[in-house]
Amino acid sequence: YSLHFGANHGGILDSQQNGTGFKWVDHPSTGSGYKPENLVTDLAGGRLRLTTTAGLAHSASNNQDNTLGVGLPTRTGNAVTALETTIVNPPAGSGQYQQAGLWIGNNQDNFAKLVLVSTPSGNQIQFLREAGGAVAGEAASGTVSVNGSRVLLELRADPVNGTLAASYRIGSGGSRSLGTLTAPPEFFSRGSAW
């Protein structure tokens, strides 16, 4: 499944009634979940512009808006699936844990995410898995400079080994690994993983 935002792809609608191509929104236990006014598909530029809110999907703070998903492809079976996104020219952030990135999982309490996060000490790339609402594994890069850069985030989901491997690349730099975390079988099940 590949989304390029230069065309109306149906699915979840943005503020201009363009289809983003995403098929599902994870509705948090607190908050509204879907805020189309914060989604703008730039058809001419081929980008999705997402304005964030103060919400977060982490432990008991389950109030993140616009957690968008597409579902795993039918061909997943025993094949490794690469999930990736590129964040183009991310804003500096305020150091208050703003995040943008990629996730796989079943709901707000059972997921893994690979995100660019603005921390009080600077930007980092975070790889985290949550199970039953508690952190079940985590890795983070050191402080990274992303000003004016493209940030590529990639998760490789391996259903045979039950693992997720995370890596990232900033600008034209080399790929850097954040390691591997285990994942439950539900993460690889078509129809229950997003």
N, C-alpha and C. Protein backbone atom coordinates (compact mmCIF):
# COMPACT_ATOMS: atom_id res chain seq x y z
N TYR A 1 0.86 -1.16 0.00
CA TYR A 1 0.00 0.00 0.00
C TYR A 1 0.90 1.22 0.00
N SER A 2 0.72 2.08 -0.95
CA SER A 2 1.57 3.26 -1.05
C SER A 2 0.69 4.50 -1.22
N LEU A 3 0.93 5.50 -0.41
CA LEU A 3 0.19 6.75 -0.51
C LEU A 3 1.11 7.86 -0.99
N HIS A 4 0.71 8.48 -2.06
CA HIS A 4 1.36 9.69 -2.55
C HIS A 4 0.24 10.72 -2.60
N PHE A 5 0.42 11.83 -1.99
CA PHE A 5 -0.68 12.75 -1.75
C PHE A 5 -0.94 13.72 -2.89
N GLY A 6 -0.61 13.35 -4.11
CA GLY A 6 -0.85 14.19 -5.28
C GLY A 6 -2.20 13.91 -5.93
N ALA A 7 -3.02 13.05 -5.31
CA ALA A 7 -4.33 12.72 -5.88
C ALA A 7 -5.29 12.38 -4.75
N ASN A 8 -6.59 12.47 -5.05
CA ASN A 8 -7.62 12.09 -4.11
C ASN A 8 -7.70 10.56 -4.12
N HIS A 9 -7.40 9.95 -2.96
CA HIS A 9 -7.36 8.49 -2.85
C HIS A 9 -8.56 7.89 -2.13
N GLY A 10 -9.57 8.71 -1.83
CA GLY A 10 -10.70 8.19 -1.06
C GLY A 10 -10.31 7.99 0.39
N GLY A 11 -11.16 7.29 1.13
CA GLY A 11 -10.86 7.01 2.53
C GLY A 11 -11.16 8.20 3.43
N ILE A 12 -10.37 8.35 4.48
CA ILE A 12 -10.56 9.43 5.46
C ILE A 12 -10.39 10.77 4.75
N LEU A 13 -11.37 11.67 4.96
CA LEU A 13 -11.37 12.96 4.27
C LEU A 13 -10.60 14.02 5.04
N ASP A 14 -9.98 14.93 4.28
CA ASP A 14 -9.30 16.07 4.89
C ASP A 14 -10.26 17.25 4.99
N SER A 15 -9.75 18.42 5.36
CA SER A 15 -10.58 19.61 5.55
C SER A 15 -11.22 20.10 4.25
N GLN A 16 -10.69 19.70 3.10
CA GLN A 16 -11.20 20.13 1.80
C GLN A 16 -12.01 19.03 1.11
N GLN A 17 -12.35 17.99 1.87
CA GLN A 17 -13.10 16.84 1.37
C GLN A 17 -12.32 15.99 0.37
N ASN A 18 -10.99 16.09 0.38
CA ASN A 18 -10.15 15.20 -0.41
C ASN A 18 -9.88 13.94 0.39
N GLY A 19 -9.90 12.80 -0.28
CA GLY A 19 -9.59 11.55 0.39
C GLY A 19 -8.10 11.41 0.60
N THR A 20 -7.68 11.17 1.84
CA THR A 20 -6.26 11.06 2.16
C THR A 20 -5.67 9.71 1.77
N GLY A 21 -6.53 8.70 1.59
CA GLY A 21 -6.07 7.35 1.32
C GLY A 21 -5.99 6.50 2.58
N PHE A 22 -5.98 7.15 3.75
CA PHE A 22 -6.03 6.39 4.99
C PHE A 22 -7.43 5.83 5.14
N LYS A 23 -7.55 4.65 5.77
CA LYS A 23 -8.82 3.93 5.85
C LYS A 23 -9.44 3.91 7.24
N TRP A 24 -8.68 4.31 8.25
CA TRP A 24 -9.13 4.12 9.62
C TRP A 24 -8.53 5.19 10.52
N VAL A 25 -9.27 5.57 11.58
CA VAL A 25 -8.78 6.47 12.62
C VAL A 25 -8.90 5.74 13.94
N ASP A 26 -7.81 5.70 14.70
CA ASP A 26 -7.85 5.10 16.03
C ASP A 26 -8.54 6.10 16.96
N HIS A 27 -9.73 5.75 17.42
CA HIS A 27 -10.49 6.65 18.30
C HIS A 27 -10.03 6.45 19.74
N PRO A 28 -9.48 7.51 20.34
CA PRO A 28 -8.96 7.38 21.71
C PRO A 28 -10.09 7.30 22.73
N SER A 29 -9.74 6.81 23.92
CA SER A 29 -10.74 6.70 24.98
C SER A 29 -11.14 8.07 25.51
N THR A 30 -10.28 9.07 25.35
CA THR A 30 -10.62 10.45 25.70
C THR A 30 -10.29 11.31 24.49
N GLY A 31 -11.12 12.27 24.19
CA GLY A 31 -10.90 13.12 23.02
C GLY A 31 -11.73 12.63 21.84
N SER A 32 -11.67 13.37 20.74
CA SER A 32 -12.53 13.07 19.59
C SER A 32 -11.90 12.11 18.59
N GLY A 33 -10.59 12.13 18.45
CA GLY A 33 -9.91 11.22 17.53
C GLY A 33 -9.74 11.75 16.12
N TYR A 34 -10.82 12.11 15.46
CA TYR A 34 -10.78 12.55 14.07
C TYR A 34 -11.06 14.03 13.99
N LYS A 35 -10.09 14.78 13.48
CA LYS A 35 -10.23 16.22 13.30
C LYS A 35 -9.86 16.57 11.86
N PRO A 36 -10.83 16.48 10.94
CA PRO A 36 -10.53 16.74 9.53
C PRO A 36 -10.02 18.15 9.28
N GLU A 37 -10.40 19.10 10.13
CA GLU A 37 -9.92 20.48 9.94
C GLU A 37 -8.41 20.59 10.10
N ASN A 38 -7.77 19.58 10.70
CA ASN A 38 -6.32 19.59 10.88
C ASN A 38 -5.57 18.80 9.82
N LEU A 39 -6.29 18.33 8.80
CA LEU A 39 -5.69 17.57 7.70
C LEU A 39 -5.87 18.33 6.40
N VAL A 40 -4.78 18.55 5.69
CA VAL A 40 -4.85 19.20 4.38
C VAL A 40 -4.00 18.42 3.40
N THR A 41 -4.64 17.89 2.37
CA THR A 41 -3.91 17.21 1.32
C THR A 41 -3.52 18.25 0.27
N ASP A 42 -2.23 18.48 0.12
CA ASP A 42 -1.71 19.42 -0.88
C ASP A 42 -1.53 18.63 -2.18
N LEU A 43 -2.57 18.61 -3.00
CA LEU A 43 -2.54 17.80 -4.22
C LEU A 43 -1.45 18.26 -5.18
N ALA A 44 -1.24 19.57 -5.29
CA ALA A 44 -0.20 20.09 -6.20
C ALA A 44 1.19 19.73 -5.72
N GLY A 45 1.42 19.78 -4.40
CA GLY A 45 2.73 19.49 -3.83
C GLY A 45 2.93 18.03 -3.47
N GLY A 46 1.84 17.24 -3.49
CA GLY A 46 1.94 15.82 -3.16
C GLY A 46 2.26 15.55 -1.70
N ARG A 47 1.72 16.38 -0.81
CA ARG A 47 2.00 16.22 0.62
C ARG A 47 0.73 16.26 1.44
N LEU A 48 0.76 15.59 2.57
CA LEU A 48 -0.30 15.69 3.56
C LEU A 48 0.24 16.59 4.67
N ARG A 49 -0.47 17.66 4.92
CA ARG A 49 -0.09 18.58 6.00
C ARG A 49 -1.04 18.33 7.17
N LEU A 50 -0.46 18.01 8.30
CA LEU A 50 -1.22 17.63 9.48
C LEU A 50 -0.88 18.60 10.60
N THR A 51 -1.88 19.28 11.13
CA THR A 51 -1.68 20.15 12.28
C THR A 51 -1.98 19.33 13.52
N THR A 52 -1.04 19.28 14.42
CA THR A 52 -1.19 18.44 15.61
C THR A 52 -2.00 19.15 16.69
N THR A 53 -2.43 18.37 17.65
CA THR A 53 -3.10 18.88 18.85
C THR A 53 -2.26 18.44 20.05
N ALA A 54 -2.71 18.76 21.23
CA ALA A 54 -1.95 18.42 22.44
C ALA A 54 -2.09 16.95 22.84
N GLY A 55 -2.83 16.16 22.08
CA GLY A 55 -3.07 14.77 22.45
C GLY A 55 -1.86 13.87 22.28
N LEU A 56 -1.93 12.70 22.91
CA LEU A 56 -0.83 11.74 22.89
C LEU A 56 -1.38 10.34 23.10
N ALA A 57 -0.84 9.37 22.38
CA ALA A 57 -1.16 7.96 22.62
C ALA A 57 0.02 7.37 23.38
N HIS A 58 -0.09 7.32 24.70
CA HIS A 58 0.99 6.80 25.53
C HIS A 58 0.44 6.49 26.92
N SER A 59 0.62 5.26 27.35
CA SER A 59 0.15 4.81 28.67
C SER A 59 -1.29 5.27 28.90
N ALA A 60 -1.54 6.04 29.95
CA ALA A 60 -2.90 6.48 30.25
C ALA A 60 -3.31 7.75 29.50
N SER A 61 -2.37 8.39 28.83
CA SER A 61 -2.69 9.61 28.07
C SER A 61 -3.19 9.23 26.68
N ASN A 62 -4.39 8.77 26.60
CA ASN A 62 -4.94 8.30 25.33
C ASN A 62 -5.92 9.33 24.78
N ASN A 63 -5.37 10.41 24.24
CA ASN A 63 -6.20 11.48 23.69
C ASN A 63 -5.63 12.03 22.37
N GLN A 64 -4.88 11.22 21.67
CA GLN A 64 -4.27 11.67 20.42
C GLN A 64 -5.31 11.77 19.31
N ASP A 65 -5.24 12.85 18.54
CA ASP A 65 -6.13 13.05 17.40
C ASP A 65 -5.42 12.66 16.11
N ASN A 66 -6.21 12.24 15.14
CA ASN A 66 -5.75 11.92 13.79
C ASN A 66 -4.64 10.87 13.77
N THR A 67 -4.83 9.80 14.55
CA THR A 67 -3.98 8.62 14.46
C THR A 67 -4.55 7.81 13.30
N LEU A 68 -3.99 8.01 12.12
CA LEU A 68 -4.52 7.45 10.89
C LEU A 68 -3.88 6.12 10.55
N GLY A 69 -4.65 5.21 9.95
CA GLY A 69 -4.13 3.90 9.57
C GLY A 69 -4.66 3.45 8.24
N VAL A 70 -3.99 2.44 7.67
CA VAL A 70 -4.41 1.88 6.38
C VAL A 70 -4.72 0.40 6.46
N GLY A 71 -4.26 -0.31 7.44
CA GLY A 71 -4.43 -1.77 7.51
C GLY A 71 -3.30 -2.47 6.79
N LEU A 72 -2.96 -3.64 7.27
CA LEU A 72 -1.90 -4.41 6.62
C LEU A 72 -2.39 -4.99 5.30
N PRO A 73 -1.51 -5.07 4.31
CA PRO A 73 -1.93 -5.62 3.01
C PRO A 73 -2.22 -7.12 3.11
N THR A 74 -3.04 -7.61 2.19
CA THR A 74 -3.42 -9.02 2.21
C THR A 74 -2.24 -9.94 1.97
N ARG A 75 -1.20 -9.46 1.32
CA ARG A 75 -0.05 -10.31 1.00
C ARG A 75 0.88 -10.52 2.19
N THR A 76 0.58 -9.93 3.34
CA THR A 76 1.50 -9.99 4.47
C THR A 76 1.88 -11.42 4.82
N GLY A 77 0.92 -12.30 5.11
CA GLY A 77 1.20 -13.70 5.40
C GLY A 77 2.48 -13.89 6.19
N ASN A 78 3.48 -14.55 5.59
CA ASN A 78 4.77 -14.76 6.23
C ASN A 78 5.84 -13.84 5.68
N ALA A 79 5.45 -12.87 4.87
CA ALA A 79 6.43 -11.96 4.27
C ALA A 79 6.72 -10.78 5.19
N VAL A 80 7.96 -10.32 5.16
CA VAL A 80 8.33 -9.11 5.88
C VAL A 80 7.69 -7.93 5.15
N THR A 81 7.06 -7.04 5.90
CA THR A 81 6.42 -5.86 5.33
C THR A 81 7.19 -4.63 5.79
N ALA A 82 7.57 -3.78 4.85
CA ALA A 82 8.25 -2.53 5.18
C ALA A 82 7.21 -1.42 5.24
N LEU A 83 7.18 -0.73 6.37
CA LEU A 83 6.30 0.42 6.57
C LEU A 83 7.21 1.64 6.66
N GLU A 84 6.95 2.65 5.85
CA GLU A 84 7.81 3.83 5.93
C GLU A 84 7.04 5.10 5.68
N THR A 85 7.57 6.17 6.21
CA THR A 85 7.04 7.50 5.97
C THR A 85 8.20 8.48 5.93
N THR A 86 7.97 9.59 5.24
CA THR A 86 8.97 10.65 5.18
C THR A 86 8.35 11.92 5.73
N ILE A 87 9.01 12.51 6.70
CA ILE A 87 8.58 13.79 7.26
C ILE A 87 9.42 14.85 6.56
N VAL A 88 8.76 15.75 5.84
CA VAL A 88 9.46 16.76 5.04
C VAL A 88 9.55 18.06 5.82
N ASN A 89 10.77 18.52 6.02
CA ASN A 89 11.03 19.80 6.68
C ASN A 89 10.23 19.95 7.98
N PRO A 90 10.46 19.08 8.96
CA PRO A 90 9.69 19.16 10.21
C PRO A 90 9.98 20.47 10.95
N PRO A 91 8.96 21.01 11.62
CA PRO A 91 9.19 22.22 12.41
C PRO A 91 10.09 21.93 13.61
N ALA A 92 10.66 22.95 14.17
CA ALA A 92 11.62 22.79 15.27
C ALA A 92 11.01 22.13 16.50
N GLY A 93 9.76 22.39 16.78
CA GLY A 93 9.14 21.86 17.99
C GLY A 93 9.51 22.73 19.19
N SER A 94 8.79 22.57 20.27
CA SER A 94 9.00 23.40 21.45
C SER A 94 9.66 22.65 22.59
N GLY A 95 10.02 21.38 22.36
CA GLY A 95 10.60 20.59 23.43
C GLY A 95 9.55 19.99 24.35
N GLN A 96 8.28 20.03 23.94
CA GLN A 96 7.20 19.53 24.78
C GLN A 96 6.64 18.21 24.24
N TYR A 97 7.51 17.43 23.62
CA TYR A 97 7.20 16.07 23.17
C TYR A 97 6.25 15.99 21.98
N GLN A 98 6.26 17.01 21.11
CA GLN A 98 5.52 16.90 19.85
C GLN A 98 6.12 15.74 19.06
N GLN A 99 5.26 15.01 18.36
CA GLN A 99 5.71 13.81 17.65
C GLN A 99 5.07 13.72 16.28
N ALA A 100 5.80 13.11 15.37
CA ALA A 100 5.28 12.79 14.04
C ALA A 100 5.96 11.51 13.61
N GLY A 101 5.21 10.62 12.97
CA GLY A 101 5.85 9.39 12.53
C GLY A 101 4.91 8.33 12.06
N LEU A 102 5.20 7.12 12.48
CA LEU A 102 4.62 5.91 11.93
C LEU A 102 4.24 4.98 13.07
N TRP A 103 3.14 4.23 12.89
CA TRP A 103 2.75 3.27 13.93
C TRP A 103 2.16 2.02 13.30
N ILE A 104 2.19 0.95 14.08
CA ILE A 104 1.53 -0.31 13.72
C ILE A 104 0.94 -0.86 15.01
N GLY A 105 -0.24 -1.46 14.91
CA GLY A 105 -0.83 -2.05 16.09
C GLY A 105 -2.32 -2.23 15.96
N ASN A 106 -2.96 -2.43 17.11
CA ASN A 106 -4.38 -2.74 17.14
C ASN A 106 -5.24 -1.62 17.71
N ASN A 107 -4.68 -0.85 18.64
CA ASN A 107 -5.45 0.23 19.27
C ASN A 107 -4.51 1.08 20.11
N GLN A 108 -5.08 2.02 20.86
CA GLN A 108 -4.29 2.98 21.63
C GLN A 108 -3.45 2.35 22.74
N ASP A 109 -3.74 1.11 23.11
CA ASP A 109 -3.01 0.45 24.19
C ASP A 109 -2.09 -0.66 23.72
N ASN A 110 -2.14 -1.00 22.44
CA ASN A 110 -1.34 -2.10 21.89
C ASN A 110 -0.81 -1.70 20.52
N PHE A 111 0.39 -1.13 20.51
CA PHE A 111 0.95 -0.61 19.27
C PHE A 111 2.46 -0.44 19.41
N ALA A 112 3.10 -0.17 18.29
CA ALA A 112 4.50 0.25 18.27
C ALA A 112 4.55 1.50 17.42
N LYS A 113 5.43 2.40 17.77
CA LYS A 113 5.57 3.63 17.00
C LYS A 113 7.04 3.95 16.78
N LEU A 114 7.30 4.59 15.65
CA LEU A 114 8.62 5.12 15.32
C LEU A 114 8.38 6.57 14.97
N VAL A 115 8.87 7.47 15.81
CA VAL A 115 8.52 8.89 15.68
C VAL A 115 9.73 9.80 15.85
N LEU A 116 9.62 10.96 15.22
CA LEU A 116 10.49 12.08 15.51
C LEU A 116 9.82 12.82 16.65
N VAL A 117 10.54 13.03 17.75
CA VAL A 117 9.94 13.66 18.92
C VAL A 117 10.81 14.84 19.38
N SER A 118 10.14 15.95 19.69
CA SER A 118 10.81 17.13 20.21
C SER A 118 10.84 17.05 21.72
N THR A 119 12.02 16.80 22.30
CA THR A 119 12.16 16.67 23.75
C THR A 119 12.80 17.94 24.30
N PRO A 120 12.79 18.14 25.61
CA PRO A 120 13.44 19.32 26.19
C PRO A 120 14.93 19.41 25.85
N SER A 121 15.58 18.26 25.57
CA SER A 121 17.01 18.28 25.25
C SER A 121 17.27 18.29 23.74
N GLY A 122 16.21 18.34 22.93
CA GLY A 122 16.37 18.38 21.47
C GLY A 122 15.59 17.27 20.78
N ASN A 123 15.65 17.25 19.46
CA ASN A 123 14.93 16.23 18.70
C ASN A 123 15.60 14.87 18.83
N GLN A 124 14.77 13.83 18.90
CA GLN A 124 15.24 12.45 18.93
C GLN A 124 14.31 11.61 18.05
N ILE A 125 14.79 10.45 17.68
CA ILE A 125 13.96 9.45 17.04
C ILE A 125 13.65 8.41 18.11
N GLN A 126 12.37 8.10 18.32
CA GLN A 126 11.96 7.17 19.36
C GLN A 126 11.26 5.97 18.73
N PHE A 127 11.61 4.79 19.23
CA PHE A 127 10.99 3.52 18.84
C PHE A 127 10.42 2.94 20.12
N LEU A 128 9.10 2.78 20.18
CA LEU A 128 8.46 2.35 21.43
C LEU A 128 7.34 1.37 21.12
N ARG A 129 7.20 0.36 21.96
CA ARG A 129 6.07 -0.57 21.87
C ARG A 129 5.31 -0.54 23.17
N GLU A 130 3.99 -0.48 23.05
CA GLU A 130 3.12 -0.49 24.21
C GLU A 130 2.25 -1.74 24.16
N ALA A 131 2.08 -2.40 25.30
CA ALA A 131 1.22 -3.58 25.41
C ALA A 131 0.33 -3.42 26.63
N GLY A 132 -0.97 -3.50 26.43
CA GLY A 132 -1.90 -3.36 27.54
C GLY A 132 -1.80 -2.01 28.22
N GLY A 133 -1.41 -0.98 27.48
CA GLY A 133 -1.31 0.36 28.04
C GLY A 133 -0.02 0.67 28.77
N ALA A 134 0.96 -0.25 28.73
CA ALA A 134 2.24 -0.03 29.40
C ALA A 134 3.39 -0.20 28.40
N VAL A 135 4.45 0.53 28.61
CA VAL A 135 5.62 0.42 27.73
C VAL A 135 6.20 -0.98 27.84
N ALA A 136 6.38 -1.63 26.68
CA ALA A 136 6.90 -3.00 26.63
C ALA A 136 8.26 -3.08 25.96
N GLY A 137 8.78 -1.97 25.53
CA GLY A 137 10.10 -1.90 24.90
C GLY A 137 10.31 -0.52 24.32
N GLU A 138 11.55 -0.03 24.39
CA GLU A 138 11.80 1.33 23.91
C GLU A 138 13.26 1.50 23.56
N ALA A 139 13.51 2.29 22.52
CA ALA A 139 14.86 2.70 22.13
C ALA A 139 14.76 4.11 21.58
N ALA A 140 15.82 4.87 21.72
CA ALA A 140 15.83 6.24 21.19
C ALA A 140 17.22 6.59 20.70
N SER A 141 17.25 7.44 19.70
CA SER A 141 18.53 7.95 19.20
C SER A 141 19.03 9.00 20.18
N GLY A 142 20.23 9.45 19.97
CA GLY A 142 20.68 10.64 20.66
C GLY A 142 19.99 11.84 20.01
N THR A 143 20.39 13.03 20.39
CA THR A 143 19.82 14.24 19.79
C THR A 143 20.20 14.30 18.31
N VAL A 144 19.21 14.62 17.47
CA VAL A 144 19.44 14.71 16.03
C VAL A 144 19.04 16.08 15.52
N SER A 145 19.74 16.55 14.51
CA SER A 145 19.41 17.82 13.86
C SER A 145 18.60 17.52 12.61
N VAL A 146 17.40 18.09 12.52
CA VAL A 146 16.52 17.82 11.39
C VAL A 146 16.12 19.09 10.64
N ASN A 147 16.69 20.23 11.01
CA ASN A 147 16.30 21.50 10.39
C ASN A 147 16.45 21.45 8.88
N GLY A 148 15.36 21.72 8.17
CA GLY A 148 15.38 21.76 6.71
C GLY A 148 15.60 20.42 6.05
N SER A 149 15.45 19.33 6.78
CA SER A 149 15.76 17.99 6.26
C SER A 149 14.51 17.17 6.01
N ARG A 150 14.70 16.09 5.30
CA ARG A 150 13.69 15.04 5.17
C ARG A 150 14.10 13.95 6.14
N VAL A 151 13.13 13.44 6.89
CA VAL A 151 13.39 12.38 7.86
C VAL A 151 12.61 11.15 7.40
N LEU A 152 13.33 10.10 7.03
CA LEU A 152 12.72 8.84 6.61
C LEU A 152 12.69 7.91 7.81
N LEU A 153 11.50 7.39 8.13
CA LEU A 153 11.32 6.43 9.22
C LEU A 153 10.85 5.12 8.62
N GLU A 154 11.45 4.00 9.03
CA GLU A 154 11.08 2.71 8.48
C GLU A 154 10.96 1.65 9.57
N LEU A 155 9.84 0.93 9.54
CA LEU A 155 9.62 -0.25 10.38
C LEU A 155 9.54 -1.45 9.47
N ARG A 156 10.23 -2.53 9.83
CA ARG A 156 10.15 -3.78 9.08
C ARG A 156 9.47 -4.79 10.00
N ALA A 157 8.25 -5.19 9.59
CA ALA A 157 7.44 -6.10 10.38
C ALA A 157 7.64 -7.52 9.88
N ASP A 158 8.18 -8.39 10.74
CA ASP A 158 8.49 -9.77 10.38
C ASP A 158 7.57 -10.71 11.15
N PRO A 159 6.52 -11.25 10.49
CA PRO A 159 5.57 -12.11 11.19
C PRO A 159 6.14 -13.47 11.58
N VAL A 160 7.13 -13.97 10.87
CA VAL A 160 7.71 -15.27 11.20
C VAL A 160 8.47 -15.20 12.52
N ASN A 161 9.29 -14.17 12.68
CA ASN A 161 10.07 -14.01 13.91
C ASN A 161 9.32 -13.21 14.97
N GLY A 162 8.19 -12.60 14.61
CA GLY A 162 7.42 -11.81 15.56
C GLY A 162 8.16 -10.58 16.01
N THR A 163 8.81 -9.89 15.05
CA THR A 163 9.63 -8.74 15.41
C THR A 163 9.31 -7.52 14.55
N LEU A 164 9.67 -6.38 15.09
CA LEU A 164 9.64 -5.10 14.40
C LEU A 164 11.04 -4.51 14.49
N ALA A 165 11.61 -4.16 13.34
CA ALA A 165 12.94 -3.54 13.31
C ALA A 165 12.78 -2.11 12.85
N ALA A 166 13.42 -1.18 13.54
CA ALA A 166 13.27 0.25 13.25
C ALA A 166 14.57 0.85 12.78
N SER A 167 14.45 1.72 11.78
CA SER A 167 15.61 2.49 11.31
C SER A 167 15.14 3.86 10.85
N TYR A 168 16.09 4.76 10.70
CA TYR A 168 15.77 6.11 10.24
C TYR A 168 16.93 6.67 9.43
N ARG A 169 16.63 7.66 8.62
CA ARG A 169 17.65 8.37 7.84
C ARG A 169 17.27 9.85 7.81
N ILE A 170 18.24 10.71 8.03
CA ILE A 170 18.01 12.15 7.99
C ILE A 170 18.75 12.72 6.80
N GLY A 171 18.00 13.41 5.92
CA GLY A 171 18.59 13.99 4.72
C GLY A 171 19.25 12.92 3.87
N SER A 172 20.46 13.22 3.41
CA SER A 172 21.19 12.26 2.57
C SER A 172 22.11 11.36 3.39
N GLY A 173 21.98 11.42 4.72
CA GLY A 173 22.80 10.58 5.59
C GLY A 173 22.44 9.11 5.46
N GLY A 174 23.25 8.27 6.07
CA GLY A 174 23.03 6.84 6.03
C GLY A 174 21.91 6.39 6.95
N SER A 175 21.44 5.19 6.72
CA SER A 175 20.39 4.60 7.55
C SER A 175 20.97 4.21 8.90
N ARG A 176 20.22 4.48 9.96
CA ARG A 176 20.65 4.14 11.32
C ARG A 176 19.59 3.28 11.98
N SER A 177 20.02 2.21 12.60
CA SER A 177 19.11 1.27 13.24
C SER A 177 18.83 1.69 14.67
N LEU A 178 17.58 1.48 15.10
CA LEU A 178 17.22 1.65 16.51
C LEU A 178 16.94 0.30 17.16
N GLY A 179 17.22 -0.77 16.44
CA GLY A 179 17.08 -2.10 17.00
C GLY A 179 15.78 -2.78 16.65
N THR A 180 15.50 -3.84 17.39
CA THR A 180 14.36 -4.71 17.13
C THR A 180 13.57 -4.92 18.42
N LEU A 181 12.26 -4.92 18.31
CA LEU A 181 11.37 -5.22 19.43
C LEU A 181 10.47 -6.38 19.04
N THR A 182 10.07 -7.18 20.02
CA THR A 182 9.12 -8.25 19.72
C THR A 182 7.72 -7.66 19.58
N ALA A 183 6.87 -8.37 18.85
CA ALA A 183 5.50 -7.93 18.64
C ALA A 183 4.58 -9.14 18.70
N PRO A 184 3.37 -8.96 19.20
CA PRO A 184 2.43 -10.08 19.29
C PRO A 184 1.89 -10.45 17.90
N PRO A 185 1.38 -11.67 17.75
CA PRO A 185 0.84 -12.11 16.46
C PRO A 185 -0.25 -11.18 15.92
N GLU A 186 -1.02 -10.53 16.82
CA GLU A 186 -2.10 -9.65 16.38
C GLU A 186 -1.59 -8.49 15.51
N PHE A 187 -0.33 -8.10 15.69
CA PHE A 187 0.23 -7.01 14.89
C PHE A 187 0.34 -7.39 13.42
N PHE A 188 0.33 -8.68 13.13
CA PHE A 188 0.53 -9.16 11.77
C PHE A 188 -0.74 -9.72 11.16
N SER A 189 -1.85 -9.56 11.84
CA SER A 189 -3.11 -10.14 11.40
C SER A 189 -3.91 -9.15 10.57
N ARG A 190 -4.17 -9.51 9.32
CA ARG A 190 -4.96 -8.64 8.45
C ARG A 190 -6.35 -8.46 9.08
N GLY A 191 -6.78 -7.23 9.12
CA GLY A 191 -8.09 -6.93 9.66
C GLY A 191 -8.06 -6.49 11.11
N SER A 192 -6.96 -6.78 11.82
CA SER A 192 -6.88 -6.31 13.21
C SER A 192 -5.68 -5.40 13.43
N ALA A 193 -4.76 -5.33 12.50
CA ALA A 193 -3.60 -4.45 12.65
C ALA A 193 -3.70 -3.30 11.66
N TRP A 194 -3.33 -2.12 12.13
CA TRP A 194 -3.42 -0.91 11.31
C TRP A 194 -2.10 -0.23 11.22
